[in-house]
Amino acid sequence: MRLIPNTTPELFSLSAVIVGYLLIDDMTANEQNALGNWLMLVGQLVSTNAYYAAVVTERNQGNNFNDQDTLRMLEKMLKALEKEVSDIKKNM
């Protein structure tokens, strides 16, 4: 099932802006924050899955990511997790 339409990057980005504005209508700041954090979690999951699929593909082709790439990826993931924990603590 293909969810990403064949469109220009600009139109694809604009659709995200429109959906974002539609979602925040009649929501409190806390509700917006909760929804935003949930959407970021979904995005991180999709991004992580795609990256790992690339790792598997590279391994099957005999090309491995180097240690620096892996370290950068892990650092990004750690920062994202720390931000999520911080946001959750702020909302408690």
PDB file of N, CA and C in Angstrom:
ATOM      1  N   MET A   1       0.838  -1.172   0.000  1.00  0.00           N
ATOM      2  CA  MET A   1       0.000   0.000   0.000  1.00  0.00           C
ATOM      3  C   MET A   1       0.883   1.236   0.000  1.00  0.00           C
ATOM      4  N   ARG A   2       0.662   2.129  -0.932  1.00  0.00           N
ATOM      5  CA  ARG A   2       1.480   3.329  -1.067  1.00  0.00           C
ATOM      6  C   ARG A   2       0.716   4.520  -0.494  1.00  0.00           C
ATOM      7  N   LEU A   3       1.275   5.114   0.597  1.00  0.00           N
ATOM      8  CA  LEU A   3       0.629   6.259   1.231  1.00  0.00           C
ATOM      9  C   LEU A   3       1.186   7.590   0.762  1.00  0.00           C
ATOM     10  N   ILE A   4       2.384   7.586   0.223  1.00  0.00           N
ATOM     11  CA  ILE A   4       3.029   8.824  -0.208  1.00  0.00           C
ATOM     12  C   ILE A   4       2.645   9.083  -1.661  1.00  0.00           C
ATOM     13  N   PRO A   5       1.960  10.204  -1.914  1.00  0.00           N
ATOM     14  CA  PRO A   5       1.530  10.485  -3.286  1.00  0.00           C
ATOM     15  C   PRO A   5       2.689  10.934  -4.171  1.00  0.00           C
ATOM     16  N   ASN A   6       2.523  10.788  -5.460  1.00  0.00           N
ATOM     17  CA  ASN A   6       3.495  11.311  -6.411  1.00  0.00           C
ATOM     18  C   ASN A   6       3.202  12.789  -6.617  1.00  0.00           C
ATOM     19  N   THR A   7       3.901  13.630  -5.895  1.00  0.00           N
ATOM     20  CA  THR A   7       3.701  15.071  -5.957  1.00  0.00           C
ATOM     21  C   THR A   7       5.029  15.768  -5.721  1.00  0.00           C
ATOM     22  N   THR A   8       5.027  17.079  -5.855  1.00  0.00           N
ATOM     23  CA  THR A   8       6.265  17.830  -5.634  1.00  0.00           C
ATOM     24  C   THR A   8       6.581  17.905  -4.142  1.00  0.00           C
ATOM     25  N   PRO A   9       7.847  18.043  -3.785  1.00  0.00           N
ATOM     26  CA  PRO A   9       8.206  18.182  -2.368  1.00  0.00           C
ATOM     27  C   PRO A   9       7.530  19.390  -1.720  1.00  0.00           C
ATOM     28  N   GLU A  10       7.385  20.474  -2.479  1.00  0.00           N
ATOM     29  CA  GLU A  10       6.756  21.678  -1.930  1.00  0.00           C
ATOM     30  C   GLU A  10       5.288  21.431  -1.575  1.00  0.00           C
ATOM     31  N   LEU A  11       4.567  20.780  -2.477  1.00  0.00           N
ATOM     32  CA  LEU A  11       3.159  20.489  -2.222  1.00  0.00           C
ATOM     33  C   LEU A  11       3.015  19.493  -1.075  1.00  0.00           C
ATOM     34  N   PHE A  12       3.905  18.528  -1.022  1.00  0.00           N
ATOM     35  CA  PHE A  12       3.883  17.543   0.067  1.00  0.00           C
ATOM     36  C   PHE A  12       4.096  18.242   1.407  1.00  0.00           C
ATOM     37  N   SER A  13       5.054  19.177   1.468  1.00  0.00           N
ATOM     38  CA  SER A  13       5.312  19.934   2.702  1.00  0.00           C
ATOM     39  C   SER A  13       4.139  20.841   3.050  1.00  0.00           C
ATOM     40  N   LEU A  14       3.559  21.487   2.050  1.00  0.00           N
ATOM     41  CA  LEU A  14       2.408  22.355   2.278  1.00  0.00           C
ATOM     42  C   LEU A  14       1.237  21.570   2.846  1.00  0.00           C
ATOM     43  N   SER A  15       1.055  20.351   2.393  1.00  0.00           N
ATOM     44  CA  SER A  15      -0.040  19.531   2.927  1.00  0.00           C
ATOM     45  C   SER A  15       0.164  19.266   4.423  1.00  0.00           C
ATOM     46  N   ALA A  16       1.407  19.119   4.860  1.00  0.00           N
ATOM     47  CA  ALA A  16       1.682  18.932   6.283  1.00  0.00           C
ATOM     48  C   ALA A  16       1.313  20.177   7.074  1.00  0.00           C
ATOM     49  N   VAL A  17       1.604  21.357   6.525  1.00  0.00           N
ATOM     50  CA  VAL A  17       1.249  22.612   7.190  1.00  0.00           C
ATOM     51  C   VAL A  17      -0.270  22.712   7.328  1.00  0.00           C
ATOM     52  N   ILE A  18      -0.989  22.410   6.270  1.00  0.00           N
ATOM     53  CA  ILE A  18      -2.445  22.496   6.303  1.00  0.00           C
ATOM     54  C   ILE A  18      -3.030  21.517   7.316  1.00  0.00           C
ATOM     55  N   VAL A  19      -2.563  20.282   7.296  1.00  0.00           N
ATOM     56  CA  VAL A  19      -3.058  19.285   8.253  1.00  0.00           C
ATOM     57  C   VAL A  19      -2.725  19.724   9.679  1.00  0.00           C
ATOM     58  N   GLY A  20      -1.537  20.267   9.881  1.00  0.00           N
ATOM     59  CA  GLY A  20      -1.151  20.744  11.214  1.00  0.00           C
ATOM     60  C   GLY A  20      -2.095  21.816  11.730  1.00  0.00           C
ATOM     61  N   TYR A  21      -2.405  22.792  10.882  1.00  0.00           N
ATOM     62  CA  TYR A  21      -3.336  23.851  11.298  1.00  0.00           C
ATOM     63  C   TYR A  21      -4.735  23.306  11.556  1.00  0.00           C
ATOM     64  N   LEU A  22      -5.164  22.350  10.779  1.00  0.00           N
ATOM     65  CA  LEU A  22      -6.476  21.748  11.005  1.00  0.00           C
ATOM     66  C   LEU A  22      -6.529  20.980  12.324  1.00  0.00           C
ATOM     67  N   LEU A  23      -5.419  20.340  12.683  1.00  0.00           N
ATOM     68  CA  LEU A  23      -5.391  19.542  13.906  1.00  0.00           C
ATOM     69  C   LEU A  23      -5.386  20.394  15.172  1.00  0.00           C
ATOM     70  N   ILE A  24      -4.842  21.606  15.120  1.00  0.00           N
ATOM     71  CA  ILE A  24      -4.747  22.407  16.346  1.00  0.00           C
ATOM     72  C   ILE A  24      -6.004  23.232  16.614  1.00  0.00           C
ATOM     73  N   ASP A  25      -6.955  23.208  15.709  1.00  0.00           N
ATOM     74  CA  ASP A  25      -8.189  23.953  15.890  1.00  0.00           C
ATOM     75  C   ASP A  25      -8.922  23.453  17.138  1.00  0.00           C
ATOM     76  N   ASP A  26      -9.285  24.382  18.025  1.00  0.00           N
ATOM     77  CA  ASP A  26     -10.051  24.077  19.247  1.00  0.00           C
ATOM     78  C   ASP A  26      -9.319  23.135  20.212  1.00  0.00           C
ATOM     79  N   MET A  27      -7.991  23.167  20.225  1.00  0.00           N
ATOM     80  CA  MET A  27      -7.235  22.335  21.164  1.00  0.00           C
ATOM     81  C   MET A  27      -6.497  23.240  22.140  1.00  0.00           C
ATOM     82  N   THR A  28      -6.397  22.782  23.399  1.00  0.00           N
ATOM     83  CA  THR A  28      -5.613  23.529  24.378  1.00  0.00           C
ATOM     84  C   THR A  28      -4.130  23.321  24.082  1.00  0.00           C
ATOM     85  N   ALA A  29      -3.295  24.118  24.732  1.00  0.00           N
ATOM     86  CA  ALA A  29      -1.849  23.984  24.538  1.00  0.00           C
ATOM     87  C   ALA A  29      -1.375  22.599  24.961  1.00  0.00           C
ATOM     88  N   ASN A  30      -1.904  22.074  26.053  1.00  0.00           N
ATOM     89  CA  ASN A  30      -1.500  20.732  26.509  1.00  0.00           C
ATOM     90  C   ASN A  30      -1.940  19.653  25.523  1.00  0.00           C
ATOM     91  N   GLU A  31      -3.132  19.800  24.961  1.00  0.00           N
ATOM     92  CA  GLU A  31      -3.602  18.832  23.972  1.00  0.00           C
ATOM     93  C   GLU A  31      -2.741  18.897  22.709  1.00  0.00           C
ATOM     94  N   GLN A  32      -2.399  20.113  22.295  1.00  0.00           N
ATOM     95  CA  GLN A  32      -1.525  20.279  21.128  1.00  0.00           C
ATOM     96  C   GLN A  32      -0.165  19.644  21.394  1.00  0.00           C
ATOM     97  N   ASN A  33       0.366  19.847  22.603  1.00  0.00           N
ATOM     98  CA  ASN A  33       1.672  19.279  22.957  1.00  0.00           C
ATOM     99  C   ASN A  33       1.616  17.750  22.948  1.00  0.00           C
ATOM    100  N   ALA A  34       0.547  17.203  23.515  1.00  0.00           N
ATOM    101  CA  ALA A  34       0.408  15.739  23.539  1.00  0.00           C
ATOM    102  C   ALA A  34       0.321  15.180  22.122  1.00  0.00           C
ATOM    103  N   LEU A  35      -0.480  15.815  21.282  1.00  0.00           N
ATOM    104  CA  LEU A  35      -0.613  15.357  19.901  1.00  0.00           C
ATOM    105  C   LEU A  35       0.704  15.509  19.147  1.00  0.00           C
ATOM    106  N   GLY A  36       1.379  16.647  19.342  1.00  0.00           N
ATOM    107  CA  GLY A  36       2.661  16.870  18.683  1.00  0.00           C
ATOM    108  C   GLY A  36       3.700  15.830  19.085  1.00  0.00           C
ATOM    109  N   ASN A  37       3.757  15.507  20.376  1.00  0.00           N
ATOM    110  CA  ASN A  37       4.701  14.488  20.837  1.00  0.00           C
ATOM    111  C   ASN A  37       4.364  13.121  20.254  1.00  0.00           C
ATOM    112  N   TRP A  38       3.086  12.820  20.162  1.00  0.00           N
ATOM    113  CA  TRP A  38       2.673  11.540  19.586  1.00  0.00           C
ATOM    114  C   TRP A  38       3.072  11.462  18.119  1.00  0.00           C
ATOM    115  N   LEU A  39       2.832  12.553  17.383  1.00  0.00           N
ATOM    116  CA  LEU A  39       3.203  12.569  15.965  1.00  0.00           C
ATOM    117  C   LEU A  39       4.716  12.464  15.784  1.00  0.00           C
ATOM    118  N   MET A  40       5.479  13.109  16.668  1.00  0.00           N
ATOM    119  CA  MET A  40       6.941  12.988  16.580  1.00  0.00           C
ATOM    120  C   MET A  40       7.378  11.557  16.851  1.00  0.00           C
ATOM    121  N   LEU A  41       6.716  10.888  17.788  1.00  0.00           N
ATOM    122  CA  LEU A  41       7.031   9.494  18.068  1.00  0.00           C
ATOM    123  C   LEU A  41       6.757   8.625  16.847  1.00  0.00           C
ATOM    124  N   VAL A  42       5.634   8.868  16.190  1.00  0.00           N
ATOM    125  CA  VAL A  42       5.319   8.132  14.966  1.00  0.00           C
ATOM    126  C   VAL A  42       6.405   8.394  13.921  1.00  0.00           C
ATOM    127  N   GLY A  43       6.802   9.659  13.772  1.00  0.00           N
ATOM    128  CA  GLY A  43       7.845  10.015  12.816  1.00  0.00           C
ATOM    129  C   GLY A  43       9.165   9.337  13.125  1.00  0.00           C
ATOM    130  N   GLN A  44       9.529   9.288  14.405  1.00  0.00           N
ATOM    131  CA  GLN A  44      10.768   8.621  14.799  1.00  0.00           C
ATOM    132  C   GLN A  44      10.705   7.133  14.484  1.00  0.00           C
ATOM    133  N   LEU A  45       9.550   6.530  14.706  1.00  0.00           N
ATOM    134  CA  LEU A  45       9.398   5.107  14.419  1.00  0.00           C
ATOM    135  C   LEU A  45       9.565   4.842  12.927  1.00  0.00           C
ATOM    136  N   VAL A  46       8.911   5.652  12.105  1.00  0.00           N
ATOM    137  CA  VAL A  46       9.019   5.485  10.649  1.00  0.00           C
ATOM    138  C   VAL A  46      10.461   5.706  10.197  1.00  0.00           C
ATOM    139  N   SER A  47      11.092   6.745  10.732  1.00  0.00           N
ATOM    140  CA  SER A  47      12.473   7.058  10.361  1.00  0.00           C
ATOM    141  C   SER A  47      13.429   5.937  10.781  1.00  0.00           C
ATOM    142  N   THR A  48      13.251   5.439  11.995  1.00  0.00           N
ATOM    143  CA  THR A  48      14.104   4.354  12.488  1.00  0.00           C
ATOM    144  C   THR A  48      13.926   3.097  11.651  1.00  0.00           C
ATOM    145  N   ASN A  49      12.688   2.783  11.323  1.00  0.00           N
ATOM    146  CA  ASN A  49      12.423   1.603  10.502  1.00  0.00           C
ATOM    147  C   ASN A  49      13.078   1.740   9.134  1.00  0.00           C
ATOM    148  N   ALA A  50      12.954   2.913   8.520  1.00  0.00           N
ATOM    149  CA  ALA A  50      13.548   3.135   7.197  1.00  0.00           C
ATOM    150  C   ALA A  50      15.066   3.035   7.259  1.00  0.00           C
ATOM    151  N   TYR A  51      15.655   3.610   8.302  1.00  0.00           N
ATOM    152  CA  TYR A  51      17.110   3.560   8.431  1.00  0.00           C
ATOM    153  C   TYR A  51      17.574   2.121   8.604  1.00  0.00           C
ATOM    154  N   TYR A  52      16.862   1.369   9.450  1.00  0.00           N
ATOM    155  CA  TYR A  52      17.280  -0.011   9.673  1.00  0.00           C
ATOM    156  C   TYR A  52      17.086  -0.850   8.405  1.00  0.00           C
ATOM    157  N   ALA A  53      16.040  -0.574   7.652  1.00  0.00           N
ATOM    158  CA  ALA A  53      15.856  -1.276   6.371  1.00  0.00           C
ATOM    159  C   ALA A  53      17.030  -0.985   5.443  1.00  0.00           C
ATOM    160  N   ALA A  54      17.527   0.255   5.470  1.00  0.00           N
ATOM    161  CA  ALA A  54      18.703   0.600   4.661  1.00  0.00           C
ATOM    162  C   ALA A  54      19.938  -0.161   5.144  1.00  0.00           C
ATOM    163  N   VAL A  55      20.053  -0.324   6.456  1.00  0.00           N
ATOM    164  CA  VAL A  55      21.178  -1.081   7.020  1.00  0.00           C
ATOM    165  C   VAL A  55      21.136  -2.522   6.517  1.00  0.00           C
ATOM    166  N   VAL A  56      19.964  -3.132   6.594  1.00  0.00           N
ATOM    167  CA  VAL A  56      19.822  -4.517   6.146  1.00  0.00           C
ATOM    168  C   VAL A  56      20.153  -4.636   4.655  1.00  0.00           C
ATOM    169  N   THR A  57      19.663  -3.697   3.860  1.00  0.00           N
ATOM    170  CA  THR A  57      19.948  -3.704   2.422  1.00  0.00           C
ATOM    171  C   THR A  57      21.447  -3.572   2.171  1.00  0.00           C
ATOM    172  N   GLU A  58      22.091  -2.639   2.870  1.00  0.00           N
ATOM    173  CA  GLU A  58      23.537  -2.451   2.711  1.00  0.00           C
ATOM    174  C   GLU A  58      24.292  -3.723   3.087  1.00  0.00           C
ATOM    175  N   ARG A  59      23.885  -4.351   4.178  1.00  0.00           N
ATOM    176  CA  ARG A  59      24.568  -5.575   4.607  1.00  0.00           C
ATOM    177  C   ARG A  59      24.415  -6.676   3.560  1.00  0.00           C
ATOM    178  N   ASN A  60      23.223  -6.783   2.987  1.00  0.00           N
ATOM    179  CA  ASN A  60      22.976  -7.809   1.968  1.00  0.00           C
ATOM    180  C   ASN A  60      23.775  -7.539   0.700  1.00  0.00           C
ATOM    181  N   GLN A  61      24.113  -6.278   0.464  1.00  0.00           N
ATOM    182  CA  GLN A  61      24.905  -5.919  -0.709  1.00  0.00           C
ATOM    183  C   GLN A  61      26.399  -5.950  -0.416  1.00  0.00           C
ATOM    184  N   GLY A  62      26.753  -6.240   0.818  1.00  0.00           N
ATOM    185  CA  GLY A  62      28.158  -6.329   1.184  1.00  0.00           C
ATOM    186  C   GLY A  62      28.788  -5.004   1.570  1.00  0.00           C
ATOM    187  N   ASN A  63      27.998  -3.944   1.686  1.00  0.00           N
ATOM    188  CA  ASN A  63      28.508  -2.640   2.097  1.00  0.00           C
ATOM    189  C   ASN A  63      27.993  -2.330   3.492  1.00  0.00           C
ATOM    190  N   ASN A  64      28.890  -2.114   4.428  1.00  0.00           N
ATOM    191  CA  ASN A  64      28.484  -1.794   5.790  1.00  0.00           C
ATOM    192  C   ASN A  64      28.628  -0.309   6.047  1.00  0.00           C
ATOM    193  N   PHE A  65      27.703   0.225   6.869  1.00  0.00           N
ATOM    194  CA  PHE A  65      27.873   1.592   7.327  1.00  0.00           C
ATOM    195  C   PHE A  65      29.108   1.624   8.218  1.00  0.00           C
ATOM    196  N   ASN A  66      29.818   2.721   8.194  1.00  0.00           N
ATOM    197  CA  ASN A  66      30.986   2.783   9.057  1.00  0.00           C
ATOM    198  C   ASN A  66      30.577   3.155  10.469  1.00  0.00           C
ATOM    199  N   ASP A  67      31.511   3.044  11.392  1.00  0.00           N
ATOM    200  CA  ASP A  67      31.231   3.296  12.799  1.00  0.00           C
ATOM    201  C   ASP A  67      30.790   4.735  13.045  1.00  0.00           C
ATOM    202  N   GLN A  68      31.310   5.685  12.274  1.00  0.00           N
ATOM    203  CA  GLN A  68      30.933   7.088  12.450  1.00  0.00           C
ATOM    204  C   GLN A  68      29.460   7.294  12.111  1.00  0.00           C
ATOM    205  N   ASP A  69      28.975   6.670  11.050  1.00  0.00           N
ATOM    206  CA  ASP A  69      27.560   6.782  10.690  1.00  0.00           C
ATOM    207  C   ASP A  69      26.675   6.202  11.783  1.00  0.00           C
ATOM    208  N   THR A  70      27.062   5.056  12.286  1.00  0.00           N
ATOM    209  CA  THR A  70      26.302   4.423  13.355  1.00  0.00           C
ATOM    210  C   THR A  70      26.297   5.287  14.607  1.00  0.00           C
ATOM    211  N   LEU A  71      27.438   5.844  14.958  1.00  0.00           N
ATOM    212  CA  LEU A  71      27.530   6.703  16.129  1.00  0.00           C
ATOM    213  C   LEU A  71      26.659   7.943  15.970  1.00  0.00           C
ATOM    214  N   ARG A  72      26.688   8.574  14.801  1.00  0.00           N
ATOM    215  CA  ARG A  72      25.838   9.751  14.563  1.00  0.00           C
ATOM    216  C   ARG A  72      24.359   9.391  14.682  1.00  0.00           C
ATOM    217  N   MET A  73      23.975   8.243  14.131  1.00  0.00           N
ATOM    218  CA  MET A  73      22.583   7.817  14.216  1.00  0.00           C
ATOM    219  C   MET A  73      22.172   7.599  15.671  1.00  0.00           C
ATOM    220  N   LEU A  74      23.011   6.939  16.444  1.00  0.00           N
ATOM    221  CA  LEU A  74      22.703   6.684  17.850  1.00  0.00           C
ATOM    222  C   LEU A  74      22.630   7.977  18.655  1.00  0.00           C
ATOM    223  N   GLU A  75      23.507   8.937  18.351  1.00  0.00           N
ATOM    224  CA  GLU A  75      23.466  10.223  19.042  1.00  0.00           C
ATOM    225  C   GLU A  75      22.173  10.965  18.736  1.00  0.00           C
ATOM    226  N   LYS A  76      21.725  10.937  17.490  1.00  0.00           N
ATOM    227  CA  LYS A  76      20.457  11.575  17.126  1.00  0.00           C
ATOM    228  C   LYS A  76      19.295  10.913  17.859  1.00  0.00           C
ATOM    229  N   MET A  77      19.315   9.596  17.905  1.00  0.00           N
ATOM    230  CA  MET A  77      18.248   8.881  18.588  1.00  0.00           C
ATOM    231  C   MET A  77      18.251   9.213  20.080  1.00  0.00           C
ATOM    232  N   LEU A  78      19.433   9.298  20.691  1.00  0.00           N
ATOM    233  CA  LEU A  78      19.538   9.624  22.107  1.00  0.00           C
ATOM    234  C   LEU A  78      19.003  11.030  22.379  1.00  0.00           C
ATOM    235  N   LYS A  79      19.354  11.995  21.538  1.00  0.00           N
ATOM    236  CA  LYS A  79      18.858  13.363  21.706  1.00  0.00           C
ATOM    237  C   LYS A  79      17.344  13.409  21.586  1.00  0.00           C
ATOM    238  N   ALA A  80      16.793  12.668  20.627  1.00  0.00           N
ATOM    239  CA  ALA A  80      15.343  12.644  20.448  1.00  0.00           C
ATOM    240  C   ALA A  80      14.656  12.047  21.668  1.00  0.00           C
ATOM    241  N   LEU A  81      15.225  10.967  22.210  1.00  0.00           N
ATOM    242  CA  LEU A  81      14.660  10.353  23.405  1.00  0.00           C
ATOM    243  C   LEU A  81      14.751  11.285  24.611  1.00  0.00           C
ATOM    244  N   GLU A  82      15.888  11.975  24.769  1.00  0.00           N
ATOM    245  CA  GLU A  82      16.049  12.915  25.877  1.00  0.00           C
ATOM    246  C   GLU A  82      15.036  14.046  25.773  1.00  0.00           C
ATOM    247  N   LYS A  83      14.777  14.523  24.560  1.00  0.00           N
ATOM    248  CA  LYS A  83      13.790  15.587  24.361  1.00  0.00           C
ATOM    249  C   LYS A  83      12.405  15.095  24.730  1.00  0.00           C
ATOM    250  N   GLU A  84      12.066  13.880  24.314  1.00  0.00           N
ATOM    251  CA  GLU A  84      10.760  13.320  24.648  1.00  0.00           C
ATOM    252  C   GLU A  84      10.582  13.196  26.153  1.00  0.00           C
ATOM    253  N   VAL A  85      11.599  12.705  26.851  1.00  0.00           N
ATOM    254  CA  VAL A  85      11.533  12.567  28.306  1.00  0.00           C
ATOM    255  C   VAL A  85      11.386  13.932  28.951  1.00  0.00           C
ATOM    256  N   SER A  86      12.137  14.903  28.468  1.00  0.00           N
ATOM    257  CA  SER A  86      12.057  16.265  28.996  1.00  0.00           C
ATOM    258  C   SER A  86      10.661  16.845  28.794  1.00  0.00           C
ATOM    259  N   ASP A  87      10.095  16.661  27.616  1.00  0.00           N
ATOM    260  CA  ASP A  87       8.753  17.164  27.335  1.00  0.00           C
ATOM    261  C   ASP A  87       7.715  16.500  28.231  1.00  0.00           C
ATOM    262  N   ILE A  88       7.861  15.213  28.440  1.00  0.00           N
ATOM    263  CA  ILE A  88       6.925  14.493  29.303  1.00  0.00           C
ATOM    264  C   ILE A  88       7.021  15.006  30.736  1.00  0.00           C
ATOM    265  N   LYS A  89       8.246  15.232  31.231  1.00  0.00           N
ATOM    266  CA  LYS A  89       8.440  15.742  32.585  1.00  0.00           C
ATOM    267  C   LYS A  89       7.832  17.117  32.749  1.00  0.00           C
ATOM    268  N   LYS A  90       7.941  17.978  31.710  1.00  0.00           N
ATOM    269  CA  LYS A  90       7.377  19.313  31.772  1.00  0.00           C
ATOM    270  C   LYS A  90       5.861  19.276  31.895  1.00  0.00           C
ATOM    271  N   ASN A  91       5.257  18.262  31.298  1.00  0.00           N
ATOM    272  CA  ASN A  91       3.799  18.168  31.278  1.00  0.00           C
ATOM    273  C   ASN A  91       3.219  17.437  32.479  1.00  0.00           C
ATOM    274  N   MET A  92       4.068  16.966  33.343  1.00  0.00           N
ATOM    275  CA  MET A  92       3.583  16.228  34.528  1.00  0.00           C
ATOM    276  C   MET A  92       3.252  17.179  35.639  1.00  0.00           C
TER     277      MET A  92
END
